[in-house]
PDB file of N, CA and C in Angstrom:
ATOM      1  N   MET A   1      35.295  21.189 -10.532  1.00  0.00           N
ATOM      2  CA  MET A   1      33.648  20.995 -10.510  1.00  0.00           C
ATOM      3  C   MET A   1      33.613  19.648 -10.511  1.00  0.00           C
ATOM      4  N   ARG A   2      32.514  19.049 -10.116  1.00  0.00           N
ATOM      5  CA  ARG A   2      32.130  17.040 -10.734  1.00  0.00           C
ATOM      6  C   ARG A   2      31.118  16.893 -12.212  1.00  0.00           C
ATOM      7  N   LYS A   3      31.568  16.660 -12.364  1.00  0.00           N
ATOM      8  CA  LYS A   3      30.338  16.494 -13.312  1.00  0.00           C
ATOM      9  C   LYS A   3      28.858  15.704 -12.596  1.00  0.00           C
ATOM     10  N   ALA A   4      27.889  16.590 -13.597  1.00  0.00           N
ATOM     11  CA  ALA A   4      26.923  15.940 -12.999  1.00  0.00           C
ATOM     12  C   ALA A   4      26.753  14.734 -13.768  1.00  0.00           C
ATOM     13  N   LYS A   5      25.407  13.346 -13.108  1.00  0.00           N
ATOM     14  CA  LYS A   5      25.733  12.553 -13.535  1.00  0.00           C
ATOM     15  C   LYS A   5      24.511  11.625 -14.036  1.00  0.00           C
ATOM     16  N   ALA A   6      25.072  11.105 -14.872  1.00  0.00           N
ATOM     17  CA  ALA A   6      23.767  10.966 -16.251  1.00  0.00           C
ATOM     18  C   ALA A   6      22.901   9.936 -15.600  1.00  0.00           C
ATOM     19  N   ALA A   7      21.411   9.961 -15.926  1.00  0.00           N
ATOM     20  CA  ALA A   7      20.343   9.487 -14.983  1.00  0.00           C
ATOM     21  C   ALA A   7      20.347   8.403 -15.246  1.00  0.00           C
ATOM     22  N   SER A   8      19.661   7.169 -14.317  1.00  0.00           N
ATOM     23  CA  SER A   8      20.242   6.187 -14.107  1.00  0.00           C
ATOM     24  C   SER A   8      19.569   5.157 -15.500  1.00  0.00           C
ATOM     25  N   PRO A   9      19.756   4.169 -15.810  1.00  0.00           N
ATOM     26  CA  PRO A   9      18.709   3.534 -16.759  1.00  0.00           C
ATOM     27  C   PRO A   9      16.913   2.887 -15.932  1.00  0.00           C
ATOM     28  N   ARG A  10      17.790   2.885 -14.300  1.00  0.00           N
ATOM     29  CA  ARG A  10      16.362   1.599 -13.920  1.00  0.00           C
ATOM     30  C   ARG A  10      15.186   2.558 -13.805  1.00  0.00           C
ATOM     31  N   ARG A  11      15.735   4.043 -13.911  1.00  0.00           N
ATOM     32  CA  ARG A  11      14.776   5.452 -13.406  1.00  0.00           C
ATOM     33  C   ARG A  11      13.715   5.623 -14.790  1.00  0.00           C
ATOM     34  N   THR A  12      12.333   5.488 -14.153  1.00  0.00           N
ATOM     35  CA  THR A  12      11.318   5.643 -14.755  1.00  0.00           C
ATOM     36  C   THR A  12      11.299   7.597 -15.515  1.00  0.00           C
ATOM     37  N   ARG A  13      11.431   8.034 -16.829  1.00  0.00           N
ATOM     38  CA  ARG A  13      11.605   9.062 -17.385  1.00  0.00           C
ATOM     39  C   ARG A  13       9.483   9.001 -17.298  1.00  0.00           C
ATOM     40  N   ALA A  14       9.805  10.429 -17.334  1.00  0.00           N
ATOM     41  CA  ALA A  14       9.108  11.513 -16.820  1.00  0.00           C
ATOM     42  C   ALA A  14       7.647  10.781 -17.682  1.00  0.00           C
ATOM     43  N   SER A  15       8.066  11.033 -18.555  1.00  0.00           N
ATOM     44  CA  SER A  15       7.001  11.055 -19.947  1.00  0.00           C
ATOM     45  C   SER A  15       6.270   9.575 -19.904  1.00  0.00           C
ATOM     46  N   ARG A  16       7.002   8.808 -19.154  1.00  0.00           N
ATOM     47  CA  ARG A  16       6.074   7.173 -18.967  1.00  0.00           C
ATOM     48  C   ARG A  16       5.842   7.336 -17.776  1.00  0.00           C
ATOM     49  N   GLU A  17       5.959   8.282 -16.764  1.00  0.00           N
ATOM     50  CA  GLU A  17       5.121   8.621 -15.461  1.00  0.00           C
ATOM     51  C   GLU A  17       3.846   9.321 -15.916  1.00  0.00           C
ATOM     52  N   ASN A  18       3.777   9.974 -16.392  1.00  0.00           N
ATOM     53  CA  ASN A  18       2.494  11.414 -16.511  1.00  0.00           C
ATOM     54  C   ASN A  18       2.386  10.084 -17.619  1.00  0.00           C
ATOM     55  N   SER A  19       1.840   9.527 -18.676  1.00  0.00           N
ATOM     56  CA  SER A  19       1.417   8.237 -19.573  1.00  0.00           C
ATOM     57  C   SER A  19       0.367   7.253 -18.528  1.00  0.00           C
ATOM     58  N   ALA A  20       1.515   6.932 -17.759  1.00  0.00           N
ATOM     59  CA  ALA A  20       0.650   5.788 -17.137  1.00  0.00           C
ATOM     60  C   ALA A  20      -0.787   6.525 -15.910  1.00  0.00           C
ATOM     61  N   ARG A  21       0.161   7.773 -15.792  1.00  0.00           N
ATOM     62  CA  ARG A  21      -0.858   8.354 -14.794  1.00  0.00           C
ATOM     63  C   ARG A  21      -2.411   8.797 -15.641  1.00  0.00           C
ATOM     64  N   LYS A  22      -2.307   9.472 -16.838  1.00  0.00           N
ATOM     65  CA  LYS A  22      -3.271   9.574 -17.542  1.00  0.00           C
ATOM     66  C   LYS A  22      -3.959   8.326 -17.722  1.00  0.00           C
ATOM     67  N   ALA A  23      -2.720   7.189 -17.846  1.00  0.00           N
ATOM     68  CA  ALA A  23      -4.312   6.138 -19.038  1.00  0.00           C
ATOM     69  C   ALA A  23      -4.978   5.702 -17.381  1.00  0.00           C
ATOM     70  N   ALA A  24      -4.478   5.778 -16.171  1.00  0.00           N
ATOM     71  CA  ALA A  24      -5.099   5.641 -14.965  1.00  0.00           C
ATOM     72  C   ALA A  24      -6.030   6.411 -14.559  1.00  0.00           C
ATOM     73  N   GLN A  25      -6.128   7.733 -15.501  1.00  0.00           N
ATOM     74  CA  GLN A  25      -7.449   8.658 -15.442  1.00  0.00           C
ATOM     75  C   GLN A  25      -8.357   7.986 -16.414  1.00  0.00           C
ATOM     76  N   ALA A  26      -8.236   8.192 -17.362  1.00  0.00           N
ATOM     77  CA  ALA A  26      -8.783   7.392 -18.153  1.00  0.00           C
ATOM     78  C   ALA A  26      -9.358   6.256 -18.079  1.00  0.00           C
ATOM     79  N   ARG A  27      -8.755   5.442 -17.247  1.00  0.00           N
ATOM     80  CA  ARG A  27     -10.061   4.341 -16.928  1.00  0.00           C
ATOM     81  C   ARG A  27     -10.773   4.746 -15.463  1.00  0.00           C
ATOM     82  N   GLY A  28     -10.567   5.865 -14.601  1.00  0.00           N
ATOM     83  CA  GLY A  28     -11.357   6.425 -14.104  1.00  0.00           C
ATOM     84  C   GLY A  28     -10.881   5.880 -12.751  1.00  0.00           C
ATOM     85  N   LEU A  29      -9.842   5.372 -12.474  1.00  0.00           N
ATOM     86  CA  LEU A  29      -8.820   4.998 -11.014  1.00  0.00           C
ATOM     87  C   LEU A  29      -8.136   6.063 -10.866  1.00  0.00           C
ATOM     88  N   GLY A  30      -8.374   7.174  -9.983  1.00  0.00           N
ATOM     89  CA  GLY A  30      -7.554   8.314  -9.271  1.00  0.00           C
ATOM     90  C   GLY A  30      -6.302   7.168  -8.923  1.00  0.00           C
ATOM     91  N   ILE A  31      -5.155   8.303  -8.550  1.00  0.00           N
ATOM     92  CA  ILE A  31      -4.048   7.188  -7.577  1.00  0.00           C
ATOM     93  C   ILE A  31      -4.611   7.107  -5.939  1.00  0.00           C
ATOM     94  N   THR A  32      -5.631   8.707  -5.453  1.00  0.00           N
ATOM     95  CA  THR A  32      -6.540   7.513  -4.255  1.00  0.00           C
ATOM     96  C   THR A  32      -7.553   6.653  -3.997  1.00  0.00           C
ATOM     97  N   ARG A  33      -8.218   6.552  -5.242  1.00  0.00           N
ATOM     98  CA  ARG A  33      -9.081   5.145  -5.529  1.00  0.00           C
ATOM     99  C   ARG A  33      -8.667   4.102  -5.367  1.00  0.00           C
ATOM    100  N   ARG A  34      -7.285   3.372  -6.096  1.00  0.00           N
ATOM    101  CA  ARG A  34      -6.389   2.768  -6.178  1.00  0.00           C
ATOM    102  C   ARG A  34      -5.837   1.815  -4.749  1.00  0.00           C
ATOM    103  N   GLY A  35      -5.179   3.524  -3.990  1.00  0.00           N
ATOM    104  CA  GLY A  35      -5.046   2.984  -2.900  1.00  0.00           C
ATOM    105  C   GLY A  35      -5.928   2.642  -2.038  1.00  0.00           C
ATOM    106  N   ASP A  36      -7.276   3.216  -2.074  1.00  0.00           N
ATOM    107  CA  ASP A  36      -8.309   2.649  -1.379  1.00  0.00           C
ATOM    108  C   ASP A  36      -8.776   1.113  -1.053  1.00  0.00           C
ATOM    109  N   LEU A  37      -8.295   1.161  -2.663  1.00  0.00           N
ATOM    110  CA  LEU A  37      -9.341  -0.150  -3.634  1.00  0.00           C
ATOM    111  C   LEU A  37      -8.141  -1.063  -2.392  1.00  0.00           C
ATOM    112  N   GLY A  38      -6.939  -1.342  -2.599  1.00  0.00           N
ATOM    113  CA  GLY A  38      -6.037  -2.316  -2.007  1.00  0.00           C
ATOM    114  C   GLY A  38      -5.688  -2.271  -0.842  1.00  0.00           C
ATOM    115  N   GLU A  39      -6.269  -0.875  -0.193  1.00  0.00           N
ATOM    116  CA  GLU A  39      -6.534  -1.420   1.474  1.00  0.00           C
ATOM    117  C   GLU A  39      -8.206  -2.290   1.593  1.00  0.00           C
ATOM    118  N   VAL A  40      -8.762  -2.020   0.685  1.00  0.00           N
ATOM    119  CA  VAL A  40     -10.043  -3.027   0.771  1.00  0.00           C
ATOM    120  C   VAL A  40      -9.641  -4.521   1.051  1.00  0.00           C
ATOM    121  N   ALA A  41      -8.568  -4.705  -0.468  1.00  0.00           N
ATOM    122  CA  ALA A  41      -8.070  -5.702  -0.915  1.00  0.00           C
ATOM    123  C   ALA A  41      -8.006  -6.443   0.872  1.00  0.00           C
ATOM    124  N   PHE A  42      -6.084  -5.397   1.540  1.00  0.00           N
ATOM    125  CA  PHE A  42      -6.238  -6.389   2.254  1.00  0.00           C
ATOM    126  C   PHE A  42      -6.889  -6.944   3.708  1.00  0.00           C
ATOM    127  N   VAL A  43      -7.900  -5.779   4.050  1.00  0.00           N
ATOM    128  CA  VAL A  43      -8.602  -5.656   5.117  1.00  0.00           C
ATOM    129  C   VAL A  43      -9.752  -7.030   4.783  1.00  0.00           C
ATOM    130  N   HIS A  44      -9.809  -7.120   3.645  1.00  0.00           N
ATOM    131  CA  HIS A  44     -11.196  -8.525   3.416  1.00  0.00           C
ATOM    132  C   HIS A  44     -10.364  -9.793   3.682  1.00  0.00           C
ATOM    133  N   LYS A  45      -8.713 -10.317   3.164  1.00  0.00           N
ATOM    134  CA  LYS A  45      -7.626 -11.097   3.005  1.00  0.00           C
ATOM    135  C   LYS A  45      -7.492 -10.999   4.422  1.00  0.00           C
ATOM    136  N   ALA A  46      -7.457 -10.329   5.565  1.00  0.00           N
ATOM    137  CA  ALA A  46      -6.492 -10.808   6.716  1.00  0.00           C
ATOM    138  C   ALA A  46      -8.355 -11.027   7.184  1.00  0.00           C
ATOM    139  N   MET A  47      -9.131 -10.509   7.162  1.00  0.00           N
ATOM    140  CA  MET A  47     -10.330 -11.021   8.246  1.00  0.00           C
ATOM    141  C   MET A  47     -11.049 -12.418   7.723  1.00  0.00           C
ATOM    142  N   SER A  48     -10.616 -12.342   6.267  1.00  0.00           N
ATOM    143  CA  SER A  48     -10.901 -13.899   5.999  1.00  0.00           C
ATOM    144  C   SER A  48      -9.560 -15.185   6.599  1.00  0.00           C
ATOM    145  N   LEU A  49      -9.158 -14.334   7.292  1.00  0.00           N
ATOM    146  CA  LEU A  49      -7.918 -15.424   7.993  1.00  0.00           C
ATOM    147  C   LEU A  49      -8.099 -14.768   9.250  1.00  0.00           C
ATOM    148  N   GLY A  50      -8.883 -14.748   9.513  1.00  0.00           N
ATOM    149  CA  GLY A  50      -9.772 -14.392  10.944  1.00  0.00           C
ATOM    150  C   GLY A  50      -8.729 -13.563  12.052  1.00  0.00           C
ATOM    151  N   TYR A  51      -7.877 -12.740  11.352  1.00  0.00           N
ATOM    152  CA  TYR A  51      -7.634 -11.646  11.921  1.00  0.00           C
ATOM    153  C   TYR A  51      -8.550 -10.440  12.410  1.00  0.00           C
ATOM    154  N   VAL A  52      -7.776  -9.693  13.249  1.00  0.00           N
ATOM    155  CA  VAL A  52      -8.833  -8.622  13.600  1.00  0.00           C
ATOM    156  C   VAL A  52      -8.207  -7.461  13.275  1.00  0.00           C
ATOM    157  N   VAL A  53      -9.091  -6.278  12.748  1.00  0.00           N
ATOM    158  CA  VAL A  53      -8.147  -5.773  11.899  1.00  0.00           C
ATOM    159  C   VAL A  53      -8.658  -4.451  12.625  1.00  0.00           C
ATOM    160  N   ALA A  54      -7.677  -3.258  12.823  1.00  0.00           N
ATOM    161  CA  ALA A  54      -8.248  -2.533  12.886  1.00  0.00           C
ATOM    162  C   ALA A  54      -7.939  -0.965  12.433  1.00  0.00           C
ATOM    163  N   LYS A  55      -8.814   0.296  12.258  1.00  0.00           N
ATOM    164  CA  LYS A  55      -7.687   1.405  11.400  1.00  0.00           C
ATOM    165  C   LYS A  55      -7.689   2.475  12.602  1.00  0.00           C
ATOM    166  N   PRO A  56      -6.526   3.069  12.251  1.00  0.00           N
ATOM    167  CA  PRO A  56      -6.448   4.013  13.824  1.00  0.00           C
ATOM    168  C   PRO A  56      -7.353   5.818  12.457  1.00  0.00           C
ATOM    169  N   TYR A  57      -7.800   6.523  13.513  1.00  0.00           N
ATOM    170  CA  TYR A  57      -8.874   7.874  13.264  1.00  0.00           C
ATOM    171  C   TYR A  57      -7.062   8.339  12.743  1.00  0.00           C
ATOM    172  N   GLY A  58      -7.490   9.270  11.579  1.00  0.00           N
ATOM    173  CA  GLY A  58      -6.619  10.390  10.768  1.00  0.00           C
ATOM    174  C   GLY A  58      -5.773   9.608   9.409  1.00  0.00           C
ATOM    175  N   GLN A  59      -5.083  10.852   9.096  1.00  0.00           N
ATOM    176  CA  GLN A  59      -4.513  10.205   8.282  1.00  0.00           C
ATOM    177  C   GLN A  59      -2.892  10.293   8.633  1.00  0.00           C
ATOM    178  N   MET A  60      -2.962  10.846  10.375  1.00  0.00           N
ATOM    179  CA  MET A  60      -1.254  11.093  10.410  1.00  0.00           C
ATOM    180  C   MET A  60      -0.485  10.085  10.509  1.00  0.00           C
ATOM    181  N   HIS A  61      -0.269   8.767  10.383  1.00  0.00           N
ATOM    182  CA  HIS A  61      -0.126   7.476  11.412  1.00  0.00           C
ATOM    183  C   HIS A  61       0.929   7.233  10.282  1.00  0.00           C
ATOM    184  N   ARG A  62       1.874   6.340  10.689  1.00  0.00           N
ATOM    185  CA  ARG A  62       2.789   5.714   9.685  1.00  0.00           C
ATOM    186  C   ARG A  62       2.278   4.504   9.838  1.00  0.00           C
ATOM    187  N   TYR A  63       1.358   4.065   9.449  1.00  0.00           N
ATOM    188  CA  TYR A  63       1.077   2.492   9.124  1.00  0.00           C
ATOM    189  C   TYR A  63      -0.570   2.852   9.132  1.00  0.00           C
ATOM    190  N   ASP A  64      -1.227   1.744   8.103  1.00  0.00           N
ATOM    191  CA  ASP A  64      -2.902   2.065   7.478  1.00  0.00           C
ATOM    192  C   ASP A  64      -3.889   1.143   8.666  1.00  0.00           C
ATOM    193  N   PHE A  65      -3.358   0.167   8.932  1.00  0.00           N
ATOM    194  CA  PHE A  65      -3.934  -0.702   9.875  1.00  0.00           C
ATOM    195  C   PHE A  65      -3.635  -1.246  11.033  1.00  0.00           C
ATOM    196  N   MET A  66      -3.805  -1.417  12.506  1.00  0.00           N
ATOM    197  CA  MET A  66      -3.072  -2.303  13.288  1.00  0.00           C
ATOM    198  C   MET A  66      -4.092  -3.896  12.936  1.00  0.00           C
ATOM    199  N   VAL A  67      -3.446  -5.127  13.025  1.00  0.00           N
ATOM    200  CA  VAL A  67      -3.547  -6.675  13.169  1.00  0.00           C
ATOM    201  C   VAL A  67      -3.363  -7.195  14.313  1.00  0.00           C
ATOM    202  N   GLU A  68      -4.304  -7.084  14.822  1.00  0.00           N
ATOM    203  CA  GLU A  68      -4.099  -8.970  15.989  1.00  0.00           C
ATOM    204  C   GLU A  68      -4.262  -9.921  15.754  1.00  0.00           C
ATOM    205  N   GLY A  69      -3.794 -10.732  15.872  1.00  0.00           N
ATOM    206  CA  GLY A  69      -3.973 -12.606  15.407  1.00  0.00           C
ATOM    207  C   GLY A  69      -2.883 -13.214  16.438  1.00  0.00           C
ATOM    208  N   GLY A  70      -3.901 -13.893  17.076  1.00  0.00           N
ATOM    209  CA  GLY A  70      -3.633 -14.778  18.851  1.00  0.00           C
ATOM    210  C   GLY A  70      -2.664 -13.394  19.246  1.00  0.00           C
ATOM    211  N   ASN A  71      -1.828 -13.848  19.930  1.00  0.00           N
ATOM    212  CA  ASN A  71      -1.387 -12.769  20.923  1.00  0.00           C
ATOM    213  C   ASN A  71      -0.561 -11.714  20.220  1.00  0.00           C
ATOM    214  N   LYS A  72      -0.167 -11.548  19.450  1.00  0.00           N
ATOM    215  CA  LYS A  72       0.373 -10.598  18.708  1.00  0.00           C
ATOM    216  C   LYS A  72      -0.298  -9.576  18.054  1.00  0.00           C
ATOM    217  N   LEU A  73       0.324  -8.667  17.910  1.00  0.00           N
ATOM    218  CA  LEU A  73      -0.084  -6.966  17.397  1.00  0.00           C
ATOM    219  C   LEU A  73       0.714  -6.380  15.909  1.00  0.00           C
ATOM    220  N   TRP A  74       0.752  -5.864  15.370  1.00  0.00           N
ATOM    221  CA  TRP A  74       1.247  -5.546  14.334  1.00  0.00           C
ATOM    222  C   TRP A  74       0.423  -4.538  13.323  1.00  0.00           C
ATOM    223  N   ARG A  75       1.257  -3.655  13.256  1.00  0.00           N
ATOM    224  CA  ARG A  75       1.335  -2.300  12.422  1.00  0.00           C
ATOM    225  C   ARG A  75       1.564  -2.495  11.440  1.00  0.00           C
ATOM    226  N   VAL A  76       0.298  -2.240  10.059  1.00  0.00           N
ATOM    227  CA  VAL A  76       0.733  -3.151   8.711  1.00  0.00           C
ATOM    228  C   VAL A  76      -0.069  -1.810   7.872  1.00  0.00           C
ATOM    229  N   GLN A  77       1.669  -1.237   6.753  1.00  0.00           N
ATOM    230  CA  GLN A  77       1.388   0.126   6.163  1.00  0.00           C
ATOM    231  C   GLN A  77       0.754  -0.834   4.623  1.00  0.00           C
ATOM    232  N   VAL A  78      -0.168  -0.135   3.703  1.00  0.00           N
ATOM    233  CA  VAL A  78      -0.282  -1.145   2.628  1.00  0.00           C
ATOM    234  C   VAL A  78       0.085  -0.416   1.014  1.00  0.00           C
ATOM    235  N   LYS A  79       0.850  -0.437  -0.188  1.00  0.00           N
ATOM    236  CA  LYS A  79       1.315  -0.327  -0.817  1.00  0.00           C
ATOM    237  C   LYS A  79       0.080  -1.075  -2.187  1.00  0.00           C
ATOM    238  N   THR A  80      -0.014   0.193  -2.847  1.00  0.00           N
ATOM    239  CA  THR A  80      -0.525  -0.797  -4.388  1.00  0.00           C
ATOM    240  C   THR A  80      -0.319   0.768  -5.321  1.00  0.00           C
ATOM    241  N   SER A  81      -0.067  -0.869  -6.289  1.00  0.00           N
ATOM    242  CA  SER A  81       0.375  -0.503  -7.872  1.00  0.00           C
ATOM    243  C   SER A  81       0.006  -0.724  -8.564  1.00  0.00           C
ATOM    244  N   THR A  82       0.051  -0.570  -9.504  1.00  0.00           N
ATOM    245  CA  THR A  82      -0.586  -0.798 -11.174  1.00  0.00           C
ATOM    246  C   THR A  82       0.478  -1.046 -12.143  1.00  0.00           C
ATOM    247  N   CYS A  83       0.669  -1.864 -13.372  1.00  0.00           N
ATOM    248  CA  CYS A  83       1.311  -2.138 -13.833  1.00  0.00           C
ATOM    249  C   CYS A  83       0.541  -2.489 -15.423  1.00  0.00           C
ATOM    250  N   MET A  84       1.162  -1.835 -16.395  1.00  0.00           N
ATOM    251  CA  MET A  84       0.573  -1.572 -17.550  1.00  0.00           C
ATOM    252  C   MET A  84       1.269  -2.382 -18.480  1.00  0.00           C
ATOM    253  N   ARG A  85       1.055  -3.379 -19.189  1.00  0.00           N
ATOM    254  CA  ARG A  85       1.511  -4.551 -20.013  1.00  0.00           C
ATOM    255  C   ARG A  85       0.600  -5.025 -21.247  1.00  0.00           C
ATOM    256  N   THR A  86       1.350  -4.591 -22.425  1.00  0.00           N
ATOM    257  CA  THR A  86       0.328  -4.127 -23.724  1.00  0.00           C
ATOM    258  C   THR A  86      -1.042  -4.281 -23.608  1.00  0.00           C
ATOM    259  N   ALA A  87      -1.302  -4.633 -22.976  1.00  0.00           N
ATOM    260  CA  ALA A  87      -3.089  -4.270 -23.899  1.00  0.00           C
ATOM    261  C   ALA A  87      -3.202  -4.930 -21.542  1.00  0.00           C
ATOM    262  N   ALA A  88      -2.909  -5.499 -21.205  1.00  0.00           N
ATOM    263  CA  ALA A  88      -3.599  -5.959 -19.998  1.00  0.00           C
ATOM    264  C   ALA A  88      -3.221  -4.945 -19.038  1.00  0.00           C
ATOM    265  N   ILE A  89      -3.957  -4.880 -17.464  1.00  0.00           N
ATOM    266  CA  ILE A  89      -3.631  -4.168 -16.763  1.00  0.00           C
ATOM    267  C   ILE A  89      -3.949  -4.843 -15.667  1.00  0.00           C
ATOM    268  N   SER A  90      -2.770  -4.891 -14.675  1.00  0.00           N
ATOM    269  CA  SER A  90      -2.652  -6.005 -13.253  1.00  0.00           C
ATOM    270  C   SER A  90      -2.096  -4.636 -12.177  1.00  0.00           C
ATOM    271  N   SER A  91      -2.838  -4.987 -11.033  1.00  0.00           N
ATOM    272  CA  SER A  91      -3.493  -4.211  -9.743  1.00  0.00           C
ATOM    273  C   SER A  91      -2.377  -5.300  -9.442  1.00  0.00           C
ATOM    274  N   ALA A  92      -1.760  -4.851  -7.568  1.00  0.00           N
ATOM    275  CA  ALA A  92      -0.733  -5.540  -6.587  1.00  0.00           C
ATOM    276  C   ALA A  92      -1.079  -4.849  -5.748  1.00  0.00           C
ATOM    277  N   SER A  93      -1.009  -4.983  -4.601  1.00  0.00           N
ATOM    278  CA  SER A  93      -0.887  -4.509  -3.512  1.00  0.00           C
ATOM    279  C   SER A  93      -0.263  -5.372  -2.875  1.00  0.00           C
ATOM    280  N   SER A  94       0.026  -4.722  -1.167  1.00  0.00           N
ATOM    281  CA  SER A  94       1.592  -5.790  -0.615  1.00  0.00           C
ATOM    282  C   SER A  94       1.740  -4.639   1.029  1.00  0.00           C
ATOM    283  N   ALA A  95       0.899  -5.597   2.246  1.00  0.00           N
ATOM    284  CA  ALA A  95       0.904  -4.991   2.999  1.00  0.00           C
ATOM    285  C   ALA A  95       2.793  -5.503   3.822  1.00  0.00           C
ATOM    286  N   SER A  96       3.106  -4.714   4.692  1.00  0.00           N
ATOM    287  CA  SER A  96       4.258  -4.867   5.584  1.00  0.00           C
ATOM    288  C   SER A  96       4.034  -4.679   6.876  1.00  0.00           C
ATOM    289  N   PRO A  97       4.689  -5.389   8.055  1.00  0.00           N
ATOM    290  CA  PRO A  97       3.899  -5.522   8.673  1.00  0.00           C
ATOM    291  C   PRO A  97       5.137  -4.807   9.414  1.00  0.00           C
ATOM    292  N   THR A  98       5.270  -3.633  10.253  1.00  0.00           N
ATOM    293  CA  THR A  98       6.098  -3.175  11.548  1.00  0.00           C
ATOM    294  C   THR A  98       5.669  -3.731  12.493  1.00  0.00           C
ATOM    295  N   ALA A  99       7.351  -3.737  13.400  1.00  0.00           N
ATOM    296  CA  ALA A  99       7.294  -3.781  14.596  1.00  0.00           C
ATOM    297  C   ALA A  99       6.208  -3.375  15.996  1.00  0.00           C
ATOM    298  N   ALA A 100       5.726  -3.841  16.654  1.00  0.00           N
ATOM    299  CA  ALA A 100       4.613  -3.063  17.345  1.00  0.00           C
ATOM    300  C   ALA A 100       4.735  -3.834  19.178  1.00  0.00           C
ATOM    301  N   PRO A 101       4.731  -2.648  20.107  1.00  0.00           N
ATOM    302  CA  PRO A 101       4.640  -3.794  21.085  1.00  0.00           C
ATOM    303  C   PRO A 101       3.378  -4.720  21.656  1.00  0.00           C
ATOM    304  N   SER A 102       3.474  -5.366  22.301  1.00  0.00           N
ATOM    305  CA  SER A 102       2.292  -6.598  22.441  1.00  0.00           C
ATOM    306  C   SER A 102       1.209  -5.916  23.810  1.00  0.00           C
ATOM    307  N   PRO A 103       0.247  -5.964  22.782  1.00  0.00           N
ATOM    308  CA  PRO A 103      -0.744  -4.890  23.777  1.00  0.00           C
ATOM    309  C   PRO A 103      -0.579  -5.981  25.716  1.00  0.00           C
ATOM    310  N   THR A 104      -1.388  -4.757  26.299  1.00  0.00           N
ATOM    311  CA  THR A 104      -0.990  -5.335  27.535  1.00  0.00           C
ATOM    312  C   THR A 104      -2.175  -6.166  28.187  1.00  0.00           C
ATOM    313  N   ARG A 105      -2.507  -6.551  28.693  1.00  0.00           N
ATOM    314  CA  ARG A 105      -3.675  -7.810  29.422  1.00  0.00           C
ATOM    315  C   ARG A 105      -3.777  -6.677  30.139  1.00  0.00           C
ATOM    316  N   ASN A 106      -4.966  -6.779  29.896  1.00  0.00           N
ATOM    317  CA  ASN A 106      -6.186  -6.838  31.671  1.00  0.00           C
ATOM    318  C   ASN A 106      -6.008  -7.794  32.360  1.00  0.00           C
ATOM    319  N   PRO A 107      -5.179  -7.526  33.760  1.00  0.00           N
ATOM    320  CA  PRO A 107      -5.983  -8.538  34.660  1.00  0.00           C
ATOM    321  C   PRO A 107      -6.927  -8.815  34.685  1.00  0.00           C
ATOM    322  N   ASN A 108      -8.227  -8.365  34.999  1.00  0.00           N
ATOM    323  CA  ASN A 108      -9.557  -8.312  35.347  1.00  0.00           C
ATOM    324  C   ASN A 108     -10.258  -8.625  34.350  1.00  0.00           C
TER     325      ASN A 108
END
């Protein structure tokens, strides 16, 4: 029989994870709300850069937004995280495009 592997030192302990979650709740930002704020920040930035942004209906998609720029079309998944450092709290959002087929043009 194999011995059980020890936990990786890079893994976050459950107690630290719970304390971060409790701190976020104490600040009044639930996980869903943080995600919503990250998505709003992404839409604002993309639209200010001149991209057309569309949100699909429902929650069953593997992406959060469709972004059109010129003749290109991207599906974008937005991820948001919060990091607590001593007394400062920083928040970051990242958007990662996934390949999407080019939009078909109507010849009319």
